[in-house]
Amino acid sequence: MKSILYGFLPCKQVYPIGITYLADFVHRRRPDVRQQILDLSLYPQAQRPAVLRDAVSAFSPDLVAFSWRDIQIFSPHEGDASLEHAFNFYFASNTLKRVAASFQGLKQLYRYYSDIRANLSYPWLIHKEFPKAKIMIGGGAFTAFADQLIEKLPEGVLGILGEGEDALIKVIDGQPLDGERYILREGKRIRKGEQRSTVLLDSQTVDLPYLTSIFPQYRAYLDESIGVQSKRGCPYDCAFCLYPYIEGKRVRYRPAAMVVQDIAQHYHQWGARRFWFTDAQFITGKEAYPQCTEILERILAEKLEIQWSGYIRTSLITPELAKLMVRSGVGDLEVAITSGSQEVLNNLHMGFKLERLYDGCRYLAEASFKGKVILNYSLNSPKETEETLLQS
């Protein structure tokens, strides 16, 4: 196998960190393999089939590898009022509001299923029009719903669950996928593989000049946050979260120097100024303090005037770390408070005390943090009551 086209399936605009790291991983180990990255999110929906068709015709890849990041659009976020419409439909006292919300709900259901059908259509396009190309698919959304999605994809499409680096190297070399997490439909039979060991993260920096050459669409993200990974894996057991299932529970760290070199490359070569740590949690626990501290100290030493953020457990922020975070350019923070009730948090296996979360926020305020703290709640979770909702 000598060529790979990566297709980032449409979702809200977010830097495709997974396939950029995957392409860099392959390049370091199989430099003779030609690669190209195509981000379908950056095109209007009506143009995407033609764009994909033209890219495959021009590049002639042996393998088309799709990354499916998002599938759960009902969660509230900017530009999605699904939660508001649901509340109006069930609880509004004004009948007109309830009727309007019902129509909005139908529109969102149609959009939801239309988007899923559209994403499924791209592998089918390759299967029908380019039958010699092998097809692979992975990503967070596919991993979460692999059993359902593999039934709707062409027979023979190789699905990769979770980490894909080692599996992709085996596919390139024509080796069996023993010891890898995969799913494959052969007629009515579904074959699955189990991962024997997690991927060892590269200790080297990303080859950014090479990445620039295979991903010219990077320019669309220069005003957005560029993803950087400092670690992989999550040790927690939060009832609603799939990070441990996708990445494993063992936390693997990249050297802090390499993480900051990645940031510095993007800063100097691309002019990027905003960064997002794509880790399940930037501070996974007390054992992560040395790496996190070194990363932030190196950002300051390199005089990188950036704004950075990520998912952070404020319950793990110390006064010293808060000062370092603010000095190094921390921006708005997303905090999974989940509930204002400790009982609900315990039922969801969140693994923190509310008082410690409040302490972390207090330390940030004392360190002159000027950004926003965005609180993510999971309302109406199991054993939720009116009393616990009022606590939230």
Protein backbone atom coordinates (compact mmCIF):
# COMPACT_ATOMS: atom_id res chain seq x y z
CA MET A 1 0.00 0.00 0.00
CA LYS A 2 1.62 3.22 -1.20
CA SER A 3 -0.93 6.03 -0.78
CA ILE A 4 -3.57 7.17 1.73
CA LEU A 5 -6.23 9.86 1.47
CA TYR A 6 -7.64 10.88 4.85
CA GLY A 7 -11.19 12.23 4.79
CA PHE A 8 -12.37 14.25 7.80
CA LEU A 9 -16.15 13.80 7.79
CA PRO A 10 -18.29 16.93 8.26
CA CYS A 11 -18.91 18.27 11.75
CA LYS A 12 -18.69 21.68 13.40
CA GLN A 13 -15.42 23.36 12.48
CA VAL A 14 -12.73 21.89 14.72
CA TYR A 15 -9.10 21.23 13.92
CA PRO A 16 -8.73 17.56 12.81
CA ILE A 17 -6.05 16.66 15.33
CA GLY A 18 -6.57 12.89 15.06
CA ILE A 19 -5.78 12.48 11.37
CA THR A 20 -2.94 15.02 11.45
CA TYR A 21 -1.22 13.02 14.20
CA LEU A 22 -2.02 9.78 12.37
CA ALA A 23 -0.50 11.04 9.12
CA ASP A 24 2.61 12.23 10.97
CA PHE A 25 2.91 8.83 12.70
CA VAL A 26 2.76 7.02 9.35
CA HIS A 27 5.23 9.42 7.71
CA ARG A 28 7.87 8.76 10.37
CA ARG A 29 7.60 4.99 9.98
CA ARG A 30 6.72 4.61 6.30
CA PRO A 31 8.10 7.76 4.60
CA ASP A 32 7.56 6.31 1.12
CA VAL A 33 3.75 6.30 1.59
CA ARG A 34 2.09 9.27 -0.15
CA GLN A 35 -0.53 10.97 2.02
CA GLN A 36 -3.11 13.72 1.70
CA ILE A 37 -5.71 15.15 4.11
CA LEU A 38 -9.11 16.38 2.94
CA ASP A 39 -11.39 18.20 5.40
CA LEU A 40 -14.95 17.92 4.06
CA SER A 41 -16.26 20.19 6.84
CA LEU A 42 -14.88 23.22 5.02
CA TYR A 43 -17.14 22.79 1.99
CA PRO A 44 -20.88 23.45 1.58
CA GLN A 45 -22.85 20.22 1.88
CA ALA A 46 -23.94 20.21 -1.76
CA GLN A 47 -20.32 20.36 -2.94
CA ARG A 48 -18.86 17.63 -0.73
CA PRO A 49 -19.53 14.56 -2.95
CA ALA A 50 -17.91 16.26 -5.95
CA VAL A 51 -14.97 17.47 -3.85
CA LEU A 52 -14.36 13.95 -2.54
CA ARG A 53 -14.73 12.45 -6.01
CA ASP A 54 -12.27 14.93 -7.51
CA ALA A 55 -9.75 14.41 -4.71
CA VAL A 56 -9.79 10.63 -5.10
CA SER A 57 -9.56 10.88 -8.91
CA ALA A 58 -6.57 13.22 -8.69
CA PHE A 59 -4.69 11.41 -5.89
CA SER A 60 -5.55 7.77 -6.74
CA PRO A 61 -5.15 6.47 -3.17
CA ASP A 62 -4.80 2.79 -2.31
CA LEU A 63 -6.63 3.52 0.96
CA VAL A 64 -9.28 6.08 1.84
CA ALA A 65 -9.36 6.53 5.63
CA PHE A 66 -12.36 8.41 7.03
CA SER A 67 -12.46 10.06 10.46
CA TRP A 68 -15.94 10.48 11.99
CA ARG A 69 -15.66 12.76 15.01
CA ASP A 70 -19.21 13.85 15.95
CA ILE A 71 -22.60 12.23 15.86
CA GLN A 72 -24.38 13.54 18.99
CA ILE A 73 -25.72 16.92 17.90
CA PHE A 74 -28.53 17.06 20.46
CA SER A 75 -26.16 18.22 23.18
CA PRO A 76 -26.56 21.97 23.65
CA HIS A 77 -23.83 24.15 22.23
CA GLU A 78 -23.53 27.40 20.34
CA GLY A 79 -25.89 27.39 17.38
CA ASP A 80 -27.93 24.41 18.64
CA ALA A 81 -31.10 25.22 20.59
CA SER A 82 -32.33 21.61 20.82
CA LEU A 83 -32.41 21.66 24.63
CA GLU A 84 -34.42 24.90 24.68
CA HIS A 85 -36.94 23.50 22.19
CA ALA A 86 -37.26 20.27 24.19
CA PHE A 87 -37.96 22.19 27.40
CA ASN A 88 -40.51 24.40 25.65
CA PHE A 89 -42.25 21.36 24.13
CA TYR A 90 -42.60 19.57 27.46
CA PHE A 91 -42.96 22.39 29.96
CA ALA A 92 -44.02 25.70 28.33
CA SER A 93 -47.34 27.00 29.63
CA ASN A 94 -47.93 28.86 26.35
CA THR A 95 -49.55 26.51 23.81
CA LEU A 96 -48.11 28.41 20.85
CA LYS A 97 -44.61 27.96 22.27
CA ARG A 98 -45.19 24.23 22.55
CA VAL A 99 -46.48 23.99 18.97
CA ALA A 100 -43.54 26.01 17.65
CA ALA A 101 -41.12 23.84 19.62
CA SER A 102 -42.66 20.68 18.16
CA PHE A 103 -41.97 21.90 14.60
CA GLN A 104 -38.44 22.91 15.58
CA GLY A 105 -37.93 19.47 17.09
CA LEU A 106 -39.05 17.77 13.88
CA LYS A 107 -36.66 19.96 11.88
CA GLN A 108 -33.79 19.01 14.18
CA LEU A 109 -34.62 15.32 13.97
CA TYR A 110 -34.60 15.60 10.18
CA ARG A 111 -31.24 17.41 10.26
CA TYR A 112 -29.83 14.86 12.71
CA TYR A 113 -30.67 11.85 10.56
CA SER A 114 -29.82 13.67 7.32
CA ASP A 115 -26.33 14.42 8.63
CA ILE A 116 -25.81 10.76 9.57
CA ARG A 117 -27.01 9.61 6.14
CA ALA A 118 -24.75 12.16 4.45
CA ASN A 119 -21.68 10.95 6.34
CA LEU A 120 -22.52 7.34 5.51
CA SER A 121 -22.80 8.30 1.83
CA TYR A 122 -19.11 9.18 1.46
CA PRO A 123 -17.75 5.66 2.07
CA TRP A 124 -20.51 4.38 -0.24
CA LEU A 125 -19.36 6.83 -2.93
CA ILE A 126 -15.82 5.42 -2.74
CA HIS A 127 -17.13 1.85 -2.72
CA LYS A 128 -19.24 2.37 -5.84
CA GLU A 129 -17.04 4.66 -7.93
CA PHE A 130 -13.53 3.60 -6.86
CA PRO A 131 -13.84 -0.13 -6.15
CA LYS A 132 -10.06 -0.72 -6.14
CA ALA A 133 -9.53 1.59 -3.13
CA LYS A 134 -9.68 0.06 0.33
CA ILE A 135 -11.83 1.90 2.88
CA MET A 136 -11.15 2.43 6.57
CA ILE A 137 -13.14 4.43 9.10
CA GLY A 138 -12.49 5.50 12.69
CA GLY A 139 -12.84 8.46 15.03
CA GLY A 140 -14.72 9.14 18.24
CA ALA A 141 -18.24 8.93 16.81
CA PHE A 142 -17.54 5.72 14.92
CA THR A 143 -15.93 4.14 17.99
CA ALA A 144 -18.98 4.98 20.10
CA PHE A 145 -21.51 3.58 17.60
CA ALA A 146 -19.42 1.05 15.69
CA ASP A 147 -21.90 -1.84 16.09
CA GLN A 148 -24.71 0.22 14.59
CA LEU A 149 -22.74 2.03 11.88
CA ILE A 150 -20.86 -0.98 10.49
CA GLU A 151 -24.23 -2.46 9.46
CA LYS A 152 -24.93 0.62 7.33
CA LEU A 153 -21.53 0.75 5.62
CA PRO A 154 -20.42 -1.24 2.57
CA GLU A 155 -19.27 -4.77 3.24
CA GLY A 156 -15.52 -4.93 3.73
CA VAL A 157 -15.08 -1.45 5.21
CA LEU A 158 -12.55 -1.77 8.04
CA GLY A 159 -13.64 0.01 11.20
CA ILE A 160 -10.99 0.99 13.74
CA LEU A 161 -12.07 1.55 17.34
CA GLY A 162 -10.09 3.97 19.46
CA GLU A 163 -6.42 4.35 18.62
CA GLY A 164 -5.52 3.66 15.02
CA GLU A 165 -1.76 4.13 14.68
CA ASP A 166 -0.56 0.54 15.03
CA ALA A 167 -3.53 -0.85 13.11
CA LEU A 168 -2.88 1.47 10.17
CA ILE A 169 0.78 0.44 9.96
CA LYS A 170 -0.34 -3.21 9.81
CA VAL A 171 -2.82 -2.37 7.03
CA ILE A 172 -0.08 -0.59 5.07
CA ASP A 173 2.24 -3.57 5.46
CA GLY A 174 -0.48 -6.09 4.63
CA GLN A 175 -0.21 -7.76 8.04
CA PRO A 176 -3.04 -9.38 10.04
CA LEU A 177 -4.76 -7.14 12.59
CA ASP A 178 -4.02 -9.43 15.51
CA GLY A 179 -4.07 -7.48 18.77
CA GLU A 180 -5.92 -4.46 17.33
CA ARG A 181 -9.42 -3.13 18.03
CA TYR A 182 -11.31 -3.38 14.77
CA ILE A 183 -14.71 -4.30 13.39
CA LEU A 184 -15.41 -5.75 9.95
CA ARG A 185 -18.61 -6.95 8.28
CA GLU A 186 -18.37 -9.93 5.97
CA GLY A 187 -21.84 -10.71 4.71
CA LYS A 188 -23.98 -11.31 7.80
CA ARG A 189 -20.95 -12.03 9.96
CA ILE A 190 -19.28 -9.34 12.09
CA ARG A 191 -15.64 -9.84 13.02
CA LYS A 192 -14.05 -7.95 15.91
CA GLY A 193 -10.55 -7.65 17.28
CA GLU A 194 -9.38 -6.81 20.79
CA GLN A 195 -6.48 -4.44 21.51
CA ARG A 196 -3.64 -6.10 23.40
CA SER A 197 -1.62 -3.00 24.19
CA THR A 198 -2.13 0.75 23.97
CA VAL A 199 -0.18 2.88 21.53
CA LEU A 200 3.08 4.39 22.73
CA LEU A 201 2.96 8.11 22.00
CA ASP A 202 5.68 9.64 19.87
CA SER A 203 8.38 11.41 21.82
CA GLN A 204 9.20 13.47 18.74
CA THR A 205 7.59 16.68 17.55
CA VAL A 206 5.18 16.83 14.63
CA ASP A 207 6.89 17.29 11.25
CA LEU A 208 5.01 20.50 10.53
CA PRO A 209 6.56 21.29 7.11
CA TYR A 210 5.44 17.85 5.93
CA LEU A 211 1.99 18.29 7.47
CA THR A 212 1.68 21.67 5.74
CA SER A 213 2.43 20.04 2.39
CA ILE A 214 -0.29 17.38 2.72
CA PHE A 215 -2.92 19.55 4.44
CA PRO A 216 -3.14 22.90 2.65
CA GLN A 217 -6.55 23.51 4.25
CA TYR A 218 -4.81 24.24 7.57
CA ARG A 219 -5.19 27.96 6.82
CA ALA A 220 -8.90 27.70 7.63
CA TYR A 221 -7.99 27.03 11.27
CA LEU A 222 -5.54 29.84 11.94
CA ASP A 223 -8.25 31.89 13.66
CA GLU A 224 -9.46 28.81 15.56
CA SER A 225 -7.75 26.71 18.21
CA ILE A 226 -5.07 24.32 16.99
CA GLY A 227 -5.20 20.98 18.77
CA VAL A 228 -2.14 19.73 20.65
CA GLN A 229 -1.99 16.46 22.57
CA SER A 230 0.13 16.21 25.70
CA LYS A 231 -1.19 12.89 26.98
CA ARG A 232 -3.66 10.17 26.13
CA GLY A 233 -5.93 8.09 28.34
CA CYS A 234 -8.22 8.89 31.27
CA PRO A 235 -8.14 7.17 34.70
CA TYR A 236 -11.66 8.19 35.73
CA ASP A 237 -14.96 6.27 35.56
CA CYS A 238 -17.49 9.06 34.86
CA ALA A 239 -20.72 7.28 33.98
CA PHE A 240 -21.46 9.30 30.85
CA CYS A 241 -17.99 9.62 29.32
CA LEU A 242 -16.38 7.49 26.62
CA TYR A 243 -12.78 8.74 26.84
CA PRO A 244 -11.58 5.68 28.84
CA TYR A 245 -13.30 3.41 26.28
CA ILE A 246 -11.75 5.25 23.34
CA GLU A 247 -8.26 5.96 24.69
CA GLY A 248 -7.86 3.50 27.55
CA LYS A 249 -7.54 4.16 31.27
CA ARG A 250 -3.74 4.14 31.39
CA VAL A 251 -2.44 7.69 31.00
CA ARG A 252 0.53 8.01 28.64
CA TYR A 253 2.51 11.24 28.61
CA ARG A 254 4.45 12.99 25.87
CA PRO A 255 7.63 14.77 26.97
CA ALA A 256 6.79 18.37 27.90
CA ALA A 257 9.62 19.68 25.73
CA MET A 258 8.13 18.00 22.65
CA VAL A 259 4.63 19.30 23.42
CA VAL A 260 5.90 22.89 23.63
CA GLN A 261 8.01 22.42 20.49
CA ASP A 262 4.78 21.46 18.69
CA ILE A 263 3.16 24.66 19.94
CA ALA A 264 6.22 26.71 18.98
CA GLN A 265 6.25 25.27 15.46
CA HIS A 266 2.63 26.21 14.87
CA TYR A 267 3.27 29.61 16.48
CA HIS A 268 6.25 30.51 14.29
CA GLN A 269 5.45 28.68 11.03
CA TRP A 270 1.66 29.00 10.85
CA GLY A 271 1.21 32.10 12.98
CA ALA A 272 -1.20 30.24 15.28
CA ARG A 273 -1.98 31.95 18.57
CA ARG A 274 -4.77 29.82 20.05
CA PHE A 275 -4.29 26.23 21.21
CA TRP A 276 -6.47 23.54 22.74
CA PHE A 277 -5.03 20.62 24.68
CA THR A 278 -6.98 17.68 23.28
CA ASP A 279 -6.30 15.49 26.32
CA ALA A 280 -9.31 13.90 28.02
CA GLN A 281 -8.15 15.98 30.99
CA PHE A 282 -5.13 18.30 30.94
CA ILE A 283 -4.60 17.57 34.64
CA THR A 284 -5.48 13.89 34.99
CA GLY A 285 -4.38 13.77 38.63
CA LYS A 286 -1.57 14.67 40.99
CA GLU A 287 0.80 12.48 38.99
CA ALA A 288 0.29 14.88 36.04
CA TYR A 289 1.50 17.95 37.97
CA PRO A 290 5.17 17.66 36.88
CA GLN A 291 4.32 17.43 33.18
CA CYS A 292 1.67 20.16 33.26
CA THR A 293 3.95 22.47 35.24
CA GLU A 294 6.86 21.91 32.86
CA ILE A 295 4.67 22.57 29.80
CA LEU A 296 3.47 25.91 31.17
CA GLU A 297 6.94 26.93 32.33
CA ARG A 298 8.35 26.16 28.88
CA ILE A 299 5.62 28.23 27.21
CA LEU A 300 6.76 31.16 29.33
CA ALA A 301 10.46 30.47 28.72
CA GLU A 302 9.87 30.33 24.94
CA LYS A 303 8.00 33.67 25.18
CA LEU A 304 5.05 32.20 23.30
CA GLU A 305 2.25 34.76 23.60
CA ILE A 306 -0.62 32.38 23.17
CA GLN A 307 -4.06 31.64 24.55
CA TRP A 308 -4.59 28.03 25.52
CA SER A 309 -7.36 25.95 27.02
CA GLY A 310 -8.63 22.40 27.41
CA TYR A 311 -10.75 20.21 29.65
CA ILE A 312 -9.53 20.85 33.19
CA ARG A 313 -10.63 19.55 36.57
CA THR A 314 -10.48 22.70 38.62
CA SER A 315 -10.61 20.46 41.71
CA LEU A 316 -6.96 19.64 40.94
CA ILE A 317 -5.76 23.25 40.53
CA THR A 318 -3.40 24.43 43.24
CA PRO A 319 -2.61 28.09 44.03
CA GLU A 320 0.83 27.73 42.39
CA LEU A 321 -0.59 26.04 39.29
CA ALA A 322 -3.31 28.70 38.97
CA LYS A 323 -0.68 31.45 38.85
CA LEU A 324 1.30 29.54 36.24
CA MET A 325 -1.82 28.93 34.16
CA VAL A 326 -2.73 32.62 34.10
CA ARG A 327 0.83 33.76 33.33
CA SER A 328 1.15 31.28 30.44
CA GLY A 329 -2.06 32.47 28.75
CA VAL A 330 -4.95 30.26 29.85
CA GLY A 331 -8.21 31.34 28.20
CA ASP A 332 -11.82 30.35 28.80
CA LEU A 333 -12.14 27.04 30.64
CA GLU A 334 -14.75 24.30 30.24
CA VAL A 335 -15.44 22.69 33.59
CA ALA A 336 -17.56 19.55 33.95
CA ILE A 337 -19.23 20.47 37.23
CA THR A 338 -22.03 18.09 36.12
CA SER A 339 -24.21 18.78 39.16
CA GLY A 340 -24.38 21.00 42.23
CA SER A 341 -25.21 17.94 44.30
CA GLN A 342 -22.39 15.85 45.74
CA GLU A 343 -24.76 12.89 45.92
CA VAL A 344 -25.40 13.03 42.17
CA LEU A 345 -21.66 13.40 41.48
CA ASN A 346 -20.98 10.31 43.58
CA ASN A 347 -23.66 8.35 41.72
CA LEU A 348 -21.99 9.30 38.42
CA HIS A 349 -18.54 8.25 39.71
CA MET A 350 -17.12 11.70 38.99
CA GLY A 351 -14.28 11.33 41.46
CA PHE A 352 -14.11 14.85 42.90
CA LYS A 353 -15.53 16.92 45.73
CA LEU A 354 -17.45 20.10 44.95
CA GLU A 355 -15.51 22.00 47.59
CA ARG A 356 -12.25 21.22 45.80
CA LEU A 357 -13.76 22.40 42.50
CA TYR A 358 -14.78 25.68 44.14
CA ASP A 359 -11.27 25.99 45.62
CA GLY A 360 -9.73 25.68 42.16
CA CYS A 361 -11.96 28.42 40.79
CA ARG A 362 -11.07 30.58 43.79
CA TYR A 363 -7.35 30.07 43.16
CA LEU A 364 -7.82 31.14 39.53
CA ALA A 365 -9.65 34.31 40.62
CA GLU A 366 -6.88 35.10 43.11
CA ALA A 367 -4.35 34.68 40.29
CA SER A 368 -6.24 37.36 38.27
CA PHE A 369 -7.84 34.97 35.79
CA LYS A 370 -9.90 37.08 33.36
CA GLY A 371 -11.48 34.42 31.17
CA LYS A 372 -14.81 32.65 31.42
CA VAL A 373 -15.46 29.44 33.30
CA ILE A 374 -17.97 27.50 31.20
CA LEU A 375 -19.87 25.04 33.40
CA ASN A 376 -21.05 21.81 31.77
CA TYR A 377 -24.04 20.30 33.57
CA SER A 378 -25.63 16.89 33.05
CA LEU A 379 -29.14 17.61 34.28
CA ASN A 380 -31.71 14.88 34.96
CA SER A 381 -29.05 12.25 35.51
CA PRO A 382 -29.94 9.00 37.34
CA LYS A 383 -31.32 9.59 40.86
CA GLU A 384 -31.74 13.31 40.14
CA THR A 385 -34.48 14.96 42.23
CA GLU A 386 -36.04 18.40 42.40
CA GLU A 387 -33.87 19.08 45.44
CA THR A 388 -30.61 18.17 43.65
CA LEU A 389 -31.64 20.23 40.62
CA LEU A 390 -32.18 23.24 42.90
CA GLN A 391 -28.71 22.65 44.33
CA SER A 392 -27.32 22.89 40.80
